[in-house]
N, C-alpha and C. Protein backbone atom coordinates (compact mmCIF):
# COMPACT_ATOMS: atom_id res chain seq x y z
N MET A 1 2.39 -1.59 13.27
CA MET A 1 2.49 -1.86 11.87
C MET A 1 3.97 -1.86 11.52
N LYS A 2 4.36 -2.85 10.68
CA LYS A 2 5.69 -2.93 10.21
C LYS A 2 5.66 -2.99 8.66
N ALA A 3 6.76 -2.49 8.10
CA ALA A 3 6.86 -2.48 6.60
C ALA A 3 8.28 -2.97 6.25
N GLU A 4 8.32 -3.94 5.39
CA GLU A 4 9.61 -4.45 4.84
C GLU A 4 9.55 -4.35 3.40
N TYR A 5 10.63 -4.04 2.75
CA TYR A 5 10.59 -3.92 1.26
C TYR A 5 11.74 -4.54 0.60
N GLU A 6 11.61 -4.90 -0.66
CA GLU A 6 12.69 -5.36 -1.47
C GLU A 6 12.51 -4.90 -2.89
N LEU A 7 13.56 -4.60 -3.50
CA LEU A 7 13.58 -4.16 -4.90
C LEU A 7 13.78 -5.34 -5.80
N LYS A 8 12.82 -5.51 -6.73
CA LYS A 8 12.95 -6.57 -7.74
C LYS A 8 12.81 -5.97 -9.12
N ASN A 9 13.86 -5.98 -9.85
CA ASN A 9 13.88 -5.40 -11.21
C ASN A 9 13.34 -4.00 -11.14
N ASP A 10 12.22 -3.75 -11.77
CA ASP A 10 11.68 -2.31 -11.80
C ASP A 10 10.50 -2.16 -10.92
N GLU A 11 10.45 -3.00 -9.81
CA GLU A 11 9.30 -2.85 -8.91
C GLU A 11 9.82 -3.00 -7.45
N ILE A 12 9.02 -2.45 -6.60
CA ILE A 12 9.36 -2.60 -5.15
C ILE A 12 8.18 -3.31 -4.56
N LEU A 13 8.50 -4.42 -3.82
CA LEU A 13 7.51 -5.14 -3.07
C LEU A 13 7.56 -4.69 -1.59
N VAL A 14 6.46 -4.22 -1.02
CA VAL A 14 6.44 -3.70 0.29
C VAL A 14 5.44 -4.66 1.07
N ARG A 15 6.01 -5.34 2.02
CA ARG A 15 5.21 -6.24 2.89
C ARG A 15 4.77 -5.54 4.11
N LEU A 16 3.44 -5.39 4.28
CA LEU A 16 2.90 -4.73 5.47
C LEU A 16 2.37 -5.73 6.45
N LYS A 17 2.65 -5.47 7.76
CA LYS A 17 2.16 -6.41 8.79
C LYS A 17 1.58 -5.56 9.92
N GLY A 18 0.35 -5.89 10.24
CA GLY A 18 -0.36 -5.18 11.35
C GLY A 18 -1.70 -4.67 10.92
N GLU A 19 -2.19 -3.63 11.65
CA GLU A 19 -3.46 -3.03 11.30
C GLU A 19 -3.23 -1.69 10.56
N LEU A 20 -3.87 -1.48 9.54
CA LEU A 20 -3.70 -0.25 8.78
C LEU A 20 -4.81 0.68 9.22
N ASP A 21 -4.52 1.26 10.44
CA ASP A 21 -5.47 2.20 11.06
C ASP A 21 -4.67 3.48 11.36
N GLU A 22 -5.30 4.40 12.15
CA GLU A 22 -4.62 5.59 12.45
C GLU A 22 -3.19 5.43 13.04
N TYR A 23 -3.12 4.51 14.02
CA TYR A 23 -1.87 4.20 14.68
C TYR A 23 -0.84 3.56 13.70
N GLY A 24 -1.30 2.48 12.99
CA GLY A 24 -0.46 1.72 12.14
C GLY A 24 0.07 2.54 10.95
N ALA A 25 -0.84 3.31 10.33
CA ALA A 25 -0.43 4.14 9.19
C ALA A 25 0.53 5.22 9.64
N GLY A 26 0.31 5.70 10.81
CA GLY A 26 1.23 6.75 11.37
C GLY A 26 2.64 6.17 11.59
N GLN A 27 2.72 4.92 11.91
CA GLN A 27 4.00 4.29 12.19
C GLN A 27 4.83 4.13 10.94
N ILE A 28 4.17 3.87 9.79
CA ILE A 28 4.89 3.53 8.54
C ILE A 28 4.86 4.61 7.51
N LYS A 29 4.11 5.66 7.65
CA LYS A 29 3.91 6.65 6.63
C LYS A 29 5.24 7.22 6.15
N ASP A 30 6.05 7.74 7.14
CA ASP A 30 7.34 8.36 6.75
C ASP A 30 8.29 7.37 6.09
N THR A 31 8.29 6.08 6.54
CA THR A 31 9.15 5.12 5.92
C THR A 31 8.75 4.86 4.52
N ILE A 32 7.50 4.68 4.29
CA ILE A 32 7.02 4.42 2.89
C ILE A 32 7.30 5.54 2.02
N ASP A 33 7.08 6.85 2.53
CA ASP A 33 7.31 7.99 1.74
C ASP A 33 8.78 8.13 1.40
N ARG A 34 9.67 7.75 2.26
CA ARG A 34 11.09 7.78 1.97
C ARG A 34 11.46 6.75 0.88
N ILE A 35 10.80 5.58 0.94
CA ILE A 35 11.07 4.51 -0.05
C ILE A 35 10.63 5.06 -1.40
N ILE A 36 9.46 5.70 -1.43
CA ILE A 36 8.93 6.22 -2.73
C ILE A 36 9.83 7.31 -3.26
N ALA A 37 10.27 8.16 -2.38
CA ALA A 37 11.16 9.29 -2.77
C ALA A 37 12.54 8.85 -3.29
N SER A 38 13.02 7.80 -2.75
CA SER A 38 14.43 7.36 -3.04
C SER A 38 14.54 6.31 -4.14
N HIS A 39 13.47 5.83 -4.68
CA HIS A 39 13.49 4.82 -5.72
C HIS A 39 12.67 5.27 -6.93
N SER A 40 13.12 4.80 -8.07
CA SER A 40 12.45 5.21 -9.31
C SER A 40 11.78 4.05 -9.94
N ALA A 41 11.35 3.09 -9.14
CA ALA A 41 10.66 1.88 -9.64
C ALA A 41 9.29 2.31 -10.35
N ARG A 42 8.88 1.50 -11.31
CA ARG A 42 7.66 1.84 -11.99
C ARG A 42 6.44 1.26 -11.29
N SER A 43 6.65 0.24 -10.47
CA SER A 43 5.55 -0.35 -9.69
C SER A 43 5.93 -0.58 -8.21
N PHE A 44 4.99 -0.20 -7.40
CA PHE A 44 5.09 -0.51 -5.97
C PHE A 44 3.95 -1.42 -5.62
N ILE A 45 4.30 -2.58 -5.08
CA ILE A 45 3.32 -3.58 -4.78
C ILE A 45 3.21 -3.71 -3.22
N PHE A 46 2.03 -3.45 -2.71
CA PHE A 46 1.82 -3.63 -1.26
C PHE A 46 1.24 -5.01 -1.08
N ASP A 47 2.04 -5.86 -0.39
CA ASP A 47 1.55 -7.23 -0.06
C ASP A 47 0.82 -7.09 1.31
N LEU A 48 -0.43 -7.39 1.32
CA LEU A 48 -1.26 -7.20 2.50
C LEU A 48 -1.67 -8.53 3.15
N GLU A 49 -0.90 -9.53 2.92
CA GLU A 49 -1.26 -10.83 3.53
C GLU A 49 -1.35 -10.78 5.03
N ASP A 50 -0.56 -9.96 5.71
CA ASP A 50 -0.52 -9.92 7.15
C ASP A 50 -1.19 -8.69 7.67
N VAL A 51 -2.14 -8.05 6.81
CA VAL A 51 -2.95 -6.93 7.24
C VAL A 51 -4.34 -7.44 7.34
N HIS A 52 -4.91 -7.42 8.62
CA HIS A 52 -6.20 -7.95 8.81
C HIS A 52 -7.31 -6.92 9.18
N PHE A 53 -6.92 -5.65 9.15
CA PHE A 53 -7.85 -4.57 9.46
C PHE A 53 -7.40 -3.34 8.78
N VAL A 54 -8.40 -2.63 8.12
CA VAL A 54 -8.20 -1.29 7.57
C VAL A 54 -9.38 -0.45 7.91
N ASP A 55 -9.05 0.80 8.38
CA ASP A 55 -10.14 1.80 8.60
C ASP A 55 -10.00 2.95 7.64
N SER A 56 -10.72 4.01 7.88
CA SER A 56 -10.68 5.16 6.95
C SER A 56 -9.33 5.82 6.89
N THR A 57 -8.61 5.81 7.98
CA THR A 57 -7.25 6.38 7.97
C THR A 57 -6.35 5.52 7.11
N GLY A 58 -6.49 4.19 7.16
CA GLY A 58 -5.72 3.35 6.31
C GLY A 58 -6.02 3.54 4.84
N LEU A 59 -7.36 3.76 4.53
CA LEU A 59 -7.73 4.04 3.15
C LEU A 59 -7.08 5.40 2.71
N GLY A 60 -7.08 6.34 3.60
CA GLY A 60 -6.44 7.58 3.31
C GLY A 60 -4.94 7.47 3.04
N PHE A 61 -4.33 6.62 3.86
CA PHE A 61 -2.89 6.30 3.65
C PHE A 61 -2.67 5.75 2.26
N LEU A 62 -3.50 4.80 1.87
CA LEU A 62 -3.28 4.22 0.48
C LEU A 62 -3.54 5.30 -0.59
N LEU A 63 -4.55 6.12 -0.44
CA LEU A 63 -4.80 7.17 -1.43
C LEU A 63 -3.65 8.15 -1.48
N GLY A 64 -3.04 8.48 -0.36
CA GLY A 64 -1.91 9.38 -0.34
C GLY A 64 -0.70 8.84 -1.11
N ARG A 65 -0.41 7.55 -0.84
CA ARG A 65 0.77 6.90 -1.51
C ARG A 65 0.43 6.79 -3.00
N TYR A 66 -0.80 6.50 -3.35
CA TYR A 66 -1.25 6.42 -4.77
C TYR A 66 -0.91 7.77 -5.46
N LYS A 67 -1.28 8.88 -4.88
CA LYS A 67 -1.06 10.15 -5.39
C LYS A 67 0.47 10.48 -5.56
N LYS A 68 1.27 10.17 -4.56
CA LYS A 68 2.69 10.37 -4.64
C LYS A 68 3.25 9.54 -5.78
N LEU A 69 2.83 8.30 -5.93
CA LEU A 69 3.41 7.43 -7.00
C LEU A 69 2.94 7.90 -8.35
N ARG A 70 1.74 8.24 -8.47
CA ARG A 70 1.19 8.80 -9.74
C ARG A 70 1.97 10.08 -10.20
N ALA A 71 2.33 10.87 -9.28
CA ALA A 71 3.16 12.07 -9.62
C ALA A 71 4.54 11.67 -10.20
N LYS A 72 5.00 10.50 -9.75
CA LYS A 72 6.29 9.96 -10.24
C LYS A 72 6.16 8.99 -11.46
N HIS A 73 4.93 8.96 -11.98
CA HIS A 73 4.58 8.08 -13.09
C HIS A 73 4.85 6.63 -12.77
N ALA A 74 4.55 6.25 -11.54
CA ALA A 74 4.62 4.87 -11.07
C ALA A 74 3.19 4.49 -10.62
N GLU A 75 3.02 3.14 -10.50
CA GLU A 75 1.75 2.60 -10.16
C GLU A 75 1.77 1.94 -8.78
N LEU A 76 0.67 1.95 -8.07
CA LEU A 76 0.47 1.26 -6.79
C LEU A 76 -0.40 0.07 -7.05
N LEU A 77 -0.01 -1.10 -6.59
CA LEU A 77 -0.75 -2.35 -6.72
C LEU A 77 -0.85 -2.97 -5.39
N VAL A 78 -1.87 -3.81 -5.18
CA VAL A 78 -1.95 -4.57 -3.90
C VAL A 78 -2.10 -6.11 -4.30
N GLN A 79 -1.61 -6.94 -3.36
CA GLN A 79 -1.67 -8.33 -3.61
C GLN A 79 -1.88 -9.04 -2.26
N ASN A 80 -2.40 -10.29 -2.28
CA ASN A 80 -2.59 -11.08 -1.12
C ASN A 80 -3.52 -10.38 -0.13
N VAL A 81 -4.59 -9.84 -0.61
CA VAL A 81 -5.46 -9.04 0.23
C VAL A 81 -6.34 -10.02 1.06
N ASN A 82 -6.34 -9.85 2.40
CA ASN A 82 -7.16 -10.61 3.32
C ASN A 82 -8.64 -10.40 3.03
N PRO A 83 -9.46 -11.44 3.18
CA PRO A 83 -10.87 -11.31 2.84
C PRO A 83 -11.62 -10.12 3.55
N GLN A 84 -11.33 -9.81 4.82
CA GLN A 84 -11.94 -8.71 5.48
C GLN A 84 -11.49 -7.36 4.89
N VAL A 85 -10.20 -7.22 4.57
CA VAL A 85 -9.72 -6.04 3.95
C VAL A 85 -10.24 -5.90 2.51
N ASP A 86 -10.30 -6.99 1.82
CA ASP A 86 -10.81 -7.00 0.45
C ASP A 86 -12.27 -6.45 0.44
N LYS A 87 -13.06 -6.83 1.41
CA LYS A 87 -14.45 -6.30 1.50
C LYS A 87 -14.47 -4.79 1.68
N VAL A 88 -13.61 -4.31 2.53
CA VAL A 88 -13.51 -2.84 2.74
C VAL A 88 -13.03 -2.15 1.46
N PHE A 89 -12.06 -2.74 0.78
CA PHE A 89 -11.55 -2.18 -0.44
C PHE A 89 -12.61 -2.09 -1.57
N LYS A 90 -13.40 -3.19 -1.64
CA LYS A 90 -14.46 -3.21 -2.64
C LYS A 90 -15.57 -2.23 -2.36
N THR A 91 -15.96 -2.16 -1.09
CA THR A 91 -17.06 -1.25 -0.68
C THR A 91 -16.62 0.22 -0.83
N SER A 92 -15.40 0.57 -0.54
CA SER A 92 -14.91 1.92 -0.64
C SER A 92 -14.48 2.32 -1.99
N GLY A 93 -14.28 1.40 -2.93
CA GLY A 93 -13.91 1.76 -4.28
C GLY A 93 -12.41 1.83 -4.52
N VAL A 94 -11.64 1.30 -3.57
CA VAL A 94 -10.17 1.36 -3.67
C VAL A 94 -9.69 0.76 -5.02
N TYR A 95 -10.33 -0.34 -5.39
CA TYR A 95 -9.86 -1.03 -6.56
C TYR A 95 -10.10 -0.24 -7.88
N SER A 96 -10.83 0.88 -7.78
CA SER A 96 -10.99 1.68 -9.00
C SER A 96 -9.70 2.48 -9.32
N PHE A 97 -8.84 2.66 -8.33
CA PHE A 97 -7.58 3.35 -8.63
C PHE A 97 -6.34 2.49 -8.19
N VAL A 98 -6.50 1.51 -7.39
CA VAL A 98 -5.34 0.64 -6.96
C VAL A 98 -5.73 -0.80 -7.31
N PRO A 99 -5.23 -1.27 -8.45
CA PRO A 99 -5.59 -2.67 -8.88
C PRO A 99 -5.06 -3.75 -7.94
N LYS A 100 -5.77 -4.84 -7.86
CA LYS A 100 -5.38 -5.99 -7.09
C LYS A 100 -4.79 -7.02 -8.07
N ILE A 101 -3.60 -7.53 -7.77
CA ILE A 101 -3.00 -8.53 -8.62
C ILE A 101 -2.86 -9.88 -7.78
N ASP A 102 -2.69 -10.91 -8.55
CA ASP A 102 -2.49 -12.23 -7.93
C ASP A 102 -1.05 -12.60 -7.73
């Protein structure tokens, strides 16, 4: 799993590439947490165009980042969600706390 980010105005766009599973989430967790800790953006957008698999560990990763951002009064959003990942997010209720944008 790889993560690239860019700051745009008051938001950070994070492009994730790979599988968001135990191995992938473990690879990027510290990097994403450092980005969250070092920036005061109001929105963090995870672009998931190149993420084709998410398991329960990946869902836990998202929930953990959501909680960190909420504590900083920032929001977590997702965009470009792959159809397979979208199905997992809908089934698990992710969209009830992490909105999907276009």
